[in-house]
C-alpha atoms as a PDB file:
ATOM      1  CA  MET A   1       0.053  -0.065  -0.072  1.00  0.00           C
ATOM      2  CA  SER A   2       2.804   2.380   0.711  1.00  0.00           C
ATOM      3  CA  ASP A   3       3.817   2.284  -3.069  1.00  0.00           C
ATOM      4  CA  ASP A   4       0.347   3.241  -4.014  1.00  0.00           C
ATOM      5  CA  ILE A   5       0.295   6.158  -1.554  1.00  0.00           C
ATOM      6  CA  SER A   6       3.799   7.387  -2.744  1.00  0.00           C
ATOM      7  CA  GLN A   7       2.604   7.305  -6.384  1.00  0.00           C
ATOM      8  CA  LEU A   8      -0.643   9.519  -5.927  1.00  0.00           C
ATOM      9  CA  ASN A   9      -0.624  12.287  -8.260  1.00  0.00           C
ATOM     10  CA  PHE A  10      -2.193  15.261  -6.347  1.00  0.00           C
ATOM     11  CA  GLY A  11      -1.342  17.503  -9.517  1.00  0.00           C
ATOM     12  CA  ALA A  12      -3.773  15.531 -11.677  1.00  0.00           C
ATOM     13  CA  SER A  13      -6.459  17.280 -13.351  1.00  0.00           C
ATOM     14  CA  ALA A  14      -9.609  17.334 -11.498  1.00  0.00           C
ATOM     15  CA  ARG A  15     -13.091  19.155 -10.992  1.00  0.00           C
ATOM     16  CA  LEU A  16     -15.189  20.014  -7.927  1.00  0.00           C
ATOM     17  CA  TYR A  17     -18.866  19.462  -8.438  1.00  0.00           C
ATOM     18  CA  LYS A  18     -21.782  20.662  -6.134  1.00  0.00           C
ATOM     19  CA  TRP A  19     -25.178  18.991  -6.340  1.00  0.00           C
ATOM     20  CA  PRO A  20     -28.204  21.494  -6.464  1.00  0.00           C
ATOM     21  CA  SER A  21     -30.049  21.175  -2.992  1.00  0.00           C
ATOM     22  CA  LEU A  22     -33.175  21.714  -1.415  1.00  0.00           C
ATOM     23  CA  GLY A  23     -33.332  21.781   2.451  1.00  0.00           C
ATOM     24  CA  ASN A  24     -29.470  20.921   2.589  1.00  0.00           C
ATOM     25  CA  ALA A  25     -30.258  17.535   0.673  1.00  0.00           C
ATOM     26  CA  ARG A  26     -29.053  16.667  -2.678  1.00  0.00           C
ATOM     27  CA  ARG A  27     -31.676  17.196  -5.484  1.00  0.00           C
ATOM     28  CA  GLU A  28     -31.251  13.785  -7.294  1.00  0.00           C
ATOM     29  CA  ASP A  29     -33.520  14.974 -10.220  1.00  0.00           C
ATOM     30  CA  ARG A  30     -30.784  17.689 -11.000  1.00  0.00           C
ATOM     31  CA  MET A  31     -27.256  17.178 -12.390  1.00  0.00           C
ATOM     32  CA  PRO A  32     -24.385  18.695 -10.383  1.00  0.00           C
ATOM     33  CA  TYR A  33     -22.569  21.692 -11.710  1.00  0.00           C
ATOM     34  CA  MET A  34     -18.790  22.532 -11.832  1.00  0.00           C
ATOM     35  CA  VAL A  35     -17.441  24.815  -8.961  1.00  0.00           C
ATOM     36  CA  ALA A  36     -13.776  24.544  -9.718  1.00  0.00           C
ATOM     37  CA  ASP A  37     -11.679  23.143 -12.699  1.00  0.00           C
ATOM     38  CA  ALA A  38      -8.082  22.675 -11.134  1.00  0.00           C
ATOM     39  CA  THR A  39      -5.640  20.067  -9.823  1.00  0.00           C
ATOM     40  CA  LEU A  40      -6.682  17.226  -7.385  1.00  0.00           C
ATOM     41  CA  ASP A  41      -4.884  19.104  -4.503  1.00  0.00           C
ATOM     42  CA  GLU A  42      -6.573  22.382  -5.275  1.00  0.00           C
ATOM     43  CA  CYS A  43     -10.012  20.761  -5.468  1.00  0.00           C
ATOM     44  CA  ILE A  44      -9.353  18.982  -2.087  1.00  0.00           C
ATOM     45  CA  ARG A  45      -8.384  22.193  -0.520  1.00  0.00           C
ATOM     46  CA  GLU A  46     -11.412  24.096  -1.841  1.00  0.00           C
ATOM     47  CA  PHE A  47     -13.502  21.252  -0.818  1.00  0.00           C
ATOM     48  CA  MET A  48     -12.243  21.165   2.865  1.00  0.00           C
ATOM     49  CA  ALA A  49     -12.843  25.064   2.912  1.00  0.00           C
ATOM     50  CA  LYS A  50     -16.524  24.389   2.693  1.00  0.00           C
ATOM     51  CA  PRO A  51     -18.634  24.097   5.931  1.00  0.00           C
ATOM     52  CA  GLU A  52     -18.814  20.748   7.119  1.00  0.00           C
ATOM     53  CA  LYS A  53     -22.462  20.622   7.217  1.00  0.00           C
ATOM     54  CA  THR A  54     -22.595  21.134   3.486  1.00  0.00           C
ATOM     55  CA  ARG A  55     -19.805  18.930   2.200  1.00  0.00           C
ATOM     56  CA  HIS A  56     -22.144  16.006   1.415  1.00  0.00           C
ATOM     57  CA  LEU A  57     -23.264  18.336  -1.537  1.00  0.00           C
ATOM     58  CA  TYR A  58     -19.942  18.080  -3.186  1.00  0.00           C
ATOM     59  CA  GLU A  59     -17.727  15.620  -5.280  1.00  0.00           C
ATOM     60  CA  ILE A  60     -14.566  15.561  -7.107  1.00  0.00           C
ATOM     61  CA  ARG A  61     -14.154  14.053 -10.493  1.00  0.00           C
ATOM     62  CA  THR A  62     -10.677  13.145 -11.589  1.00  0.00           C
ATOM     63  CA  VAL A  63      -8.539  10.576 -13.731  1.00  0.00           C
ATOM     64  CA  PRO A  64      -8.698   7.354 -11.685  1.00  0.00           C
ATOM     65  CA  GLN A  65      -5.502   6.336  -9.763  1.00  0.00           C
ATOM     66  CA  ALA A  66      -6.164   2.627  -8.836  1.00  0.00           C
ATOM     67  CA  PRO A  67      -6.569   1.496  -6.194  1.00  0.00           C
ATOM     68  CA  LEU A  68      -7.006   4.667  -3.970  1.00  0.00           C
ATOM     69  CA  VAL A  69      -8.439   7.297  -6.256  1.00  0.00           C
ATOM     70  CA  PRO A  70     -11.719   6.345  -8.340  1.00  0.00           C
ATOM     71  CA  GLU A  71     -13.133   8.672 -11.067  1.00  0.00           C
ATOM     72  CA  ILE A  72     -15.733  10.098  -8.600  1.00  0.00           C
ATOM     73  CA  LEU A  73     -14.561  10.861  -5.026  1.00  0.00           C
ATOM     74  CA  SER A  74     -17.357  11.116  -2.534  1.00  0.00           C
ATOM     75  CA  PRO A  75     -16.909  13.477   0.453  1.00  0.00           C
ATOM     76  CA  GLU A  76     -15.837  10.931   2.834  1.00  0.00           C
ATOM     77  CA  HIS A  77     -13.044   9.608   0.294  1.00  0.00           C
ATOM     78  CA  ILE A  78     -12.083  13.345  -0.123  1.00  0.00           C
ATOM     79  CA  VAL A  79     -11.593  13.963   3.507  1.00  0.00           C
ATOM     80  CA  GLU A  80      -9.463  10.637   3.914  1.00  0.00           C
ATOM     81  CA  LEU A  81      -7.492  11.959   0.908  1.00  0.00           C
ATOM     82  CA  SER A  82      -6.988  15.388   2.591  1.00  0.00           C
ATOM     83  CA  ARG A  83      -5.630  13.520   5.594  1.00  0.00           C
ATOM     84  CA  LEU A  84      -3.251  11.413   3.392  1.00  0.00           C
ATOM     85  CA  ARG A  85      -2.007  14.363   1.809  1.00  0.00           C
ATOM     86  CA  ASP A  86      -1.212  16.144   4.908  1.00  0.00           C
ATOM     87  CA  PHE A  87       0.497  13.067   6.224  1.00  0.00           C
ATOM     88  CA  LEU A  88       2.815  12.900   2.946  1.00  0.00           C
END
């Protein structure tokens, strides 16, 4: 696993998306819209700057980096990658 971690590319192209919401709940009948087009690192930082109570409305889409980074990152996954990035 340490080889996988050391090979993560936080400079990879990524996009931060936000789901439209109603009452702080995702509107599944709508499509998410792009908030930022940047690197994975920058999108993680922008996500982490959002209020914790609204983070469930966001996701990051990026080039997959198996086995740790899927194409669409959930809020929980983004938080874990942020911790991992800070550790490295």
